[in-house]
Amino acid sequence: MKFRLKFCGALVIASAVACTGFAQRPRTVSSNSADQTSTDDQAPATPTPAAIRVKYEGGFLGYNKKEDGTLSFDDVNQRLVFRDKLNKERISLPYSSINSAYGDTKSLQPAAATVASNIPSIYALPARFIKKKYQYLTLQFNDPDNNVSGLTSFKVENKEVLHSELSALAQKSVLSPRGDGYVRRQPAQTQTVAMNTSMQTINGGLLNGKAVALPRPAYPQAARDAKEQGTVSVQVTIDENGNVIEATPISGPDSLQEAAVDAARRAKFTPTKLNGQPVRVIGTITYNFVL
C-alpha cells in the first residue's frame, strides 16, 4: 500500500511538471495577424460624399422657398452649391463668404404623428408624444460680391452625414473650431473695417435678450388643435433705427412659422452703432410654442 501511494504521488508530480513546461513554451505569433492590424490602423477615413440630400429651410435673401435637393462642394470654383430635385442650381456660396458653420438637433413631432393623433382611436393618445430628431446644418455668411449676407439652414439625413459635411466644409472654408461649430477667425480691427466699408451690417447672433420690445406670437388655432409644438427660429434684419425690416423663418414646424414671423416683425431694438456710425444688424429670434 505504501508503495502504491508513493508511486501515485510521483506520477502526479511528474505530470504537473510536464504540463508546466508545455504551458511555458513560447507561442508563435502569426505574421498575417500583425500585418492585418497594421493595415487596419492605417485605413483611410470614410470620404465625404460628392453630394448629400438635404432640405433647404430658408434664409437666403431672394429665395425663401423650402425645397428638397442636394448640397455639394464645387472645389473648382471654391463654392458650396445647393441644387433642387431637377438638379438646377439655386444657391451658391463661395467658401470664403462663410463666416461660421454649426450643426443643430431639434426634436419635432412628425406630420404623420400629428395626423394619427387626430384620428379617433384607442391608439391616438401615444401618437401625440412621438418625437423625431432632425439634424440641421446652419451657415452664417457674408458675400460682398453679391452684396448678400444672412443665416441659412439645411436639414440633413442623420448625425453622421451632418458631422462629415460640417468637417469638410470647415476645412474647405478655412474655419476654426469653436464650441460645437466652426468660425472664421479675423483680427478685430480688420473685421470692423470690412463691415464698416461694405454693407454697414453686422451679425448680432441670438437677439432675444437684446430686444426692447419682443411681442409674444399668437398660437395658431389649427396648430393648437393638432397639438403641434416646437421651436421656431426667425432670421431678422434690424435697421439703423432699431426696427425689424425683414423677417424670414429658418427652422421649426411649418404650422407655427407664420405666427413667429408676425411677432418678429413687431419686435423693437435699441439702434446699434459701430465706430459712432449707425449700422444694420442681422440675427436670430427664437420662439418656443408649448401647449
Protein backbone atom coordinates (compact mmCIF):
# COMPACT_ATOMS: atom_id res chain seq x y z
CA MET A 1 0.00 0.00 0.00
CA LYS A 2 2.79 2.46 0.84
CA PHE A 3 4.47 1.61 -2.43
CA ARG A 4 1.31 2.38 -4.39
CA LEU A 5 0.86 5.77 -2.66
CA LYS A 6 4.44 6.77 -3.34
CA PHE A 7 4.13 5.68 -6.95
CA CYS A 8 0.88 7.68 -7.47
CA GLY A 9 2.40 10.76 -5.84
CA ALA A 10 5.42 10.62 -8.10
CA LEU A 11 3.19 10.23 -11.12
CA VAL A 12 1.13 13.35 -10.19
CA ILE A 13 4.27 15.48 -9.66
CA ALA A 14 5.73 14.34 -12.98
CA SER A 15 2.50 15.21 -14.80
CA ALA A 16 2.39 18.69 -13.23
CA VAL A 17 5.97 19.40 -14.24
CA ALA A 18 5.27 18.28 -17.82
CA CYS A 19 2.16 20.49 -18.09
CA THR A 20 4.00 23.47 -16.66
CA GLY A 21 6.78 23.06 -19.16
CA PHE A 22 4.30 22.88 -22.03
CA ALA A 23 2.43 25.98 -20.82
CA GLN A 24 5.67 27.95 -20.66
CA ARG A 25 6.66 27.13 -24.24
CA PRO A 26 6.86 30.28 -26.39
CA ARG A 27 3.86 30.87 -28.67
CA THR A 28 4.21 31.55 -32.37
CA VAL A 29 2.63 34.86 -33.49
CA SER A 30 1.07 34.83 -36.94
CA SER A 31 2.66 37.39 -39.24
CA ASN A 32 -0.65 37.71 -41.11
CA SER A 33 -2.38 38.89 -37.93
CA ALA A 34 0.24 41.55 -37.30
CA ASP A 35 0.08 42.74 -40.87
CA GLN A 36 -3.71 42.93 -40.69
CA THR A 37 -3.56 45.07 -37.52
CA SER A 38 -1.12 47.44 -39.13
CA THR A 39 -3.32 47.76 -42.22
CA ASP A 40 -6.43 48.49 -40.13
CA ASP A 41 -4.65 51.26 -38.22
CA GLN A 42 -3.71 52.94 -41.47
CA ALA A 43 -7.15 52.61 -43.13
CA PRO A 44 -8.31 55.94 -44.55
CA ALA A 45 -11.36 57.71 -43.12
CA THR A 46 -14.66 57.48 -44.98
CA PRO A 47 -14.64 60.19 -47.65
CA THR A 48 -17.31 62.88 -47.72
CA PRO A 49 -19.97 62.15 -50.42
CA ALA A 50 -19.83 64.30 -53.54
CA ALA A 51 -23.41 65.40 -52.85
CA ILE A 52 -25.80 64.87 -49.94
CA ARG A 53 -29.57 65.00 -49.84
CA VAL A 54 -30.89 67.99 -47.88
CA LYS A 55 -33.96 70.17 -47.42
CA TYR A 56 -33.36 73.90 -47.79
CA GLU A 57 -35.03 75.63 -44.81
CA GLY A 58 -34.74 79.26 -45.96
CA GLY A 59 -32.63 82.25 -45.00
CA PHE A 60 -31.06 83.11 -48.35
CA LEU A 61 -32.28 86.53 -49.49
CA GLY A 62 -34.50 86.25 -52.56
CA TYR A 63 -35.05 82.50 -52.24
CA ASN A 64 -37.30 81.59 -49.31
CA LYS A 65 -38.99 78.54 -50.81
CA LYS A 66 -38.40 75.41 -48.73
CA GLU A 67 -37.27 72.67 -51.04
CA ASP A 68 -35.64 69.23 -51.20
CA GLY A 69 -32.44 68.90 -53.15
CA THR A 70 -28.71 68.26 -52.85
CA LEU A 71 -25.76 70.08 -51.33
CA SER A 72 -22.35 69.64 -52.95
CA PHE A 73 -18.82 71.05 -52.98
CA ASP A 74 -17.60 72.75 -56.14
CA ASP A 75 -13.86 72.79 -55.43
CA VAL A 76 -13.01 74.05 -58.93
CA ASN A 77 -14.89 77.30 -58.28
CA GLN A 78 -14.39 77.19 -54.50
CA ARG A 79 -18.07 77.27 -53.53
CA LEU A 80 -20.91 75.37 -51.83
CA VAL A 81 -23.86 74.68 -54.15
CA PHE A 82 -27.49 73.78 -53.49
CA ARG A 83 -29.45 72.21 -56.38
CA ASP A 84 -33.15 71.36 -56.46
CA LYS A 85 -34.65 67.96 -57.29
CA LEU A 86 -34.26 68.72 -61.02
CA ASN A 87 -30.54 69.36 -60.45
CA LYS A 88 -31.00 73.06 -61.15
CA GLU A 89 -28.60 75.31 -59.25
CA ARG A 90 -30.45 77.51 -56.76
CA ILE A 91 -27.89 78.77 -54.23
CA SER A 92 -24.16 79.28 -54.47
CA LEU A 93 -21.95 80.34 -51.55
CA PRO A 94 -18.20 80.91 -52.00
CA TYR A 95 -16.18 79.15 -49.33
CA SER A 96 -14.63 82.49 -48.41
CA SER A 97 -18.06 84.03 -47.70
CA ILE A 98 -18.95 81.52 -44.96
CA ASN A 99 -18.15 83.06 -41.58
CA SER A 100 -19.47 80.30 -39.33
CA ALA A 101 -20.97 76.82 -39.58
CA TYR A 102 -22.53 74.59 -36.95
CA GLY A 103 -24.83 71.63 -36.54
CA ASP A 104 -28.10 71.67 -34.65
CA THR A 105 -30.51 68.96 -33.46
CA LYS A 106 -34.22 69.59 -32.93
CA SER A 107 -36.86 67.19 -31.61
CA LEU A 108 -40.10 67.76 -33.50
CA GLN A 109 -43.36 65.89 -33.99
CA PRO A 110 -43.52 64.34 -37.50
CA ALA A 111 -46.54 65.18 -39.65
CA ALA A 112 -47.65 61.52 -39.59
CA ALA A 113 -47.81 61.57 -35.80
CA THR A 114 -49.88 64.77 -35.91
CA VAL A 115 -52.38 63.16 -38.28
CA ALA A 116 -52.53 59.98 -36.22
CA SER A 117 -53.25 61.91 -33.03
CA ASN A 118 -56.39 63.39 -34.64
CA ILE A 119 -57.85 60.03 -35.65
CA PRO A 120 -60.41 58.78 -33.06
CA SER A 121 -58.78 55.61 -31.83
CA ILE A 122 -57.57 53.97 -28.67
CA TYR A 123 -54.10 54.26 -30.18
CA ALA A 124 -54.32 58.04 -30.82
CA LEU A 125 -53.02 59.20 -27.44
CA PRO A 126 -49.47 57.74 -27.74
CA ALA A 127 -49.10 59.29 -31.22
CA ARG A 128 -49.19 62.76 -29.68
CA PHE A 129 -45.98 62.04 -27.82
CA ILE A 130 -43.99 60.78 -30.81
CA LYS A 131 -40.91 62.92 -31.40
CA LYS A 132 -38.23 62.63 -34.06
CA LYS A 133 -34.79 64.21 -34.03
CA TYR A 134 -33.86 66.27 -37.08
CA GLN A 135 -30.33 67.40 -37.95
CA TYR A 136 -29.61 70.86 -39.38
CA LEU A 137 -26.53 72.41 -40.98
CA THR A 138 -26.66 76.16 -40.33
CA LEU A 139 -24.37 78.70 -42.03
CA GLN A 140 -23.75 82.39 -41.36
CA PHE A 141 -22.40 84.08 -44.48
CA ASN A 142 -21.40 87.46 -45.92
CA ASP A 143 -20.88 87.53 -49.68
CA PRO A 144 -19.64 91.01 -50.73
CA ASP A 145 -19.58 90.01 -54.43
CA ASN A 146 -23.38 89.60 -54.44
CA ASN A 147 -23.98 92.12 -51.64
CA VAL A 148 -25.78 89.40 -49.66
CA SER A 149 -25.41 88.28 -46.05
CA GLY A 150 -27.50 86.28 -43.62
CA LEU A 151 -28.14 82.93 -41.98
CA THR A 152 -29.30 79.86 -43.89
CA SER A 153 -30.09 76.31 -42.83
CA PHE A 154 -30.31 72.84 -44.41
CA LYS A 155 -31.94 69.75 -42.90
CA VAL A 156 -29.76 66.66 -43.44
CA GLU A 157 -30.45 62.93 -43.20
CA ASN A 158 -28.64 61.97 -39.99
CA LYS A 159 -25.96 62.95 -37.49
CA GLU A 160 -23.17 61.06 -39.30
CA VAL A 161 -23.80 62.91 -42.56
CA LEU A 162 -24.01 66.23 -40.67
CA HIS A 163 -20.65 65.73 -38.95
CA SER A 164 -18.94 64.65 -42.18
CA GLU A 165 -20.30 67.60 -44.16
CA LEU A 166 -19.56 70.10 -41.39
CA SER A 167 -15.96 68.92 -41.02
CA ALA A 168 -15.32 69.01 -44.78
CA LEU A 169 -16.89 72.46 -45.13
CA ALA A 170 -14.81 73.84 -42.25
CA GLN A 171 -11.64 72.57 -43.89
CA LYS A 172 -12.51 73.97 -47.33
CA SER A 173 -13.62 77.33 -45.89
CA VAL A 174 -10.61 77.54 -43.53
CA LEU A 175 -12.77 77.81 -40.40
CA SER A 176 -11.52 77.26 -36.86
CA PRO A 177 -13.29 75.14 -34.20
CA ARG A 178 -15.33 76.99 -31.59
CA GLY A 179 -17.62 75.05 -29.28
CA ASP A 180 -19.76 72.69 -31.35
CA GLY A 181 -19.17 74.62 -34.57
CA TYR A 182 -16.60 76.47 -36.65
CA VAL A 183 -15.91 80.18 -37.19
CA ARG A 184 -13.68 82.33 -39.36
CA ARG A 185 -11.07 83.99 -37.18
CA GLN A 186 -10.13 87.54 -38.11
CA PRO A 187 -8.32 90.33 -36.32
CA ALA A 188 -10.98 92.50 -34.66
CA GLN A 189 -9.76 95.67 -36.38
CA THR A 190 -9.75 94.10 -39.85
CA GLN A 191 -13.24 92.72 -39.35
CA THR A 192 -14.59 96.10 -38.20
CA VAL A 193 -13.14 97.89 -41.20
CA ALA A 194 -14.58 95.31 -43.59
CA MET A 195 -18.04 95.67 -42.07
CA ASN A 196 -17.89 99.45 -41.97
CA THR A 197 -16.81 99.85 -45.59
CA SER A 198 -19.09 97.28 -47.27
CA MET A 199 -22.66 96.75 -46.15
CA GLN A 200 -22.89 98.62 -42.84
CA THR A 201 -24.30 95.36 -41.45
CA ILE A 202 -23.09 93.24 -38.54
CA ASN A 203 -24.07 89.84 -37.22
CA GLY A 204 -25.89 90.09 -33.89
CA GLY A 205 -26.35 86.35 -33.20
CA LEU A 206 -29.28 85.44 -30.95
CA LEU A 207 -31.28 88.61 -30.32
CA ASN A 208 -33.97 87.56 -27.82
CA GLY A 209 -32.19 89.15 -24.86
CA LYS A 210 -31.35 92.36 -26.74
CA ALA A 211 -34.89 93.42 -27.65
CA VAL A 212 -36.54 96.47 -26.11
CA ALA A 213 -39.93 95.01 -27.06
CA LEU A 214 -40.48 91.35 -28.00
CA PRO A 215 -44.19 90.58 -28.51
CA ARG A 216 -45.28 87.00 -27.97
CA PRO A 217 -46.66 85.24 -31.06
CA ALA A 218 -50.30 84.18 -31.19
CA TYR A 219 -50.69 80.39 -31.09
CA PRO A 220 -52.41 79.34 -34.39
CA GLN A 221 -55.69 77.59 -33.62
CA ALA A 222 -55.06 74.87 -36.21
CA ALA A 223 -51.67 74.09 -34.66
CA ARG A 224 -53.21 74.14 -31.16
CA ASP A 225 -55.94 71.69 -32.24
CA ALA A 226 -53.29 69.42 -33.78
CA LYS A 227 -51.18 69.62 -30.58
CA GLU A 228 -48.31 71.00 -32.66
CA GLN A 229 -45.40 72.25 -30.54
CA GLY A 230 -41.80 73.24 -31.18
CA THR A 231 -39.23 75.99 -31.52
CA VAL A 232 -39.22 78.36 -34.48
CA SER A 233 -36.12 80.35 -35.42
CA VAL A 234 -36.60 83.56 -37.41
CA GLN A 235 -33.80 85.49 -39.09
CA VAL A 236 -34.37 89.24 -38.84
CA THR A 237 -32.72 92.34 -40.26
CA ILE A 238 -32.80 95.40 -37.98
CA ASP A 239 -32.33 98.85 -39.49
CA GLU A 240 -30.36 101.79 -38.10
CA ASN A 241 -33.37 102.87 -36.01
CA GLY A 242 -33.87 99.52 -34.30
CA ASN A 243 -36.87 98.43 -36.39
CA VAL A 244 -37.23 94.97 -37.94
CA ILE A 245 -37.37 95.47 -41.70
CA GLU A 246 -37.15 91.82 -42.75
CA ALA A 247 -38.08 88.51 -41.08
CA THR A 248 -37.60 85.03 -42.54
CA PRO A 249 -38.25 81.63 -40.87
CA ILE A 250 -35.24 79.32 -40.97
CA SER A 251 -36.38 76.31 -38.92
CA GLY A 252 -39.29 74.91 -36.94
CA PRO A 253 -42.74 73.42 -37.63
CA ASP A 254 -44.35 74.93 -40.74
CA SER A 255 -47.69 75.46 -38.97
CA LEU A 256 -46.05 77.78 -36.40
CA GLN A 257 -43.69 79.78 -38.62
CA GLU A 258 -46.12 82.43 -39.86
CA ALA A 259 -47.12 83.39 -36.29
CA ALA A 260 -43.43 83.61 -35.31
CA VAL A 261 -42.61 85.83 -38.29
CA ASP A 262 -45.53 88.17 -37.49
CA ALA A 263 -44.29 88.54 -33.91
CA ALA A 264 -40.69 89.10 -35.02
CA ARG A 265 -41.71 91.95 -37.33
CA ARG A 266 -43.21 93.78 -34.32
CA ALA A 267 -40.03 93.48 -32.22
CA LYS A 268 -38.12 96.64 -31.34
CA PHE A 269 -34.41 97.09 -30.60
CA THR A 270 -32.05 99.83 -29.48
CA PRO A 271 -30.18 101.28 -32.50
CA THR A 272 -26.70 99.79 -32.93
CA LYS A 273 -23.63 101.90 -33.69
CA LEU A 274 -20.21 100.86 -34.90
CA ASN A 275 -17.38 103.39 -34.62
CA GLY A 276 -20.02 106.02 -33.94
CA GLN A 277 -21.98 105.19 -37.09
CA PRO A 278 -25.46 103.54 -37.06
CA VAL A 279 -25.46 100.10 -38.67
CA ARG A 280 -27.90 97.36 -39.55
CA VAL A 281 -27.92 94.08 -37.63
CA ILE A 282 -28.75 90.59 -38.82
CA GLY A 283 -29.55 88.00 -36.18
CA THR A 284 -31.98 85.35 -34.98
CA ILE A 285 -35.05 85.40 -32.74
CA THR A 286 -36.39 82.08 -31.40
CA TYR A 287 -39.93 81.40 -30.20
CA ASN A 288 -40.96 78.35 -28.15
CA PHE A 289 -44.51 77.15 -28.77
CA VAL A 290 -45.62 74.97 -25.84
CA LEU A 291 -49.14 73.84 -25.03
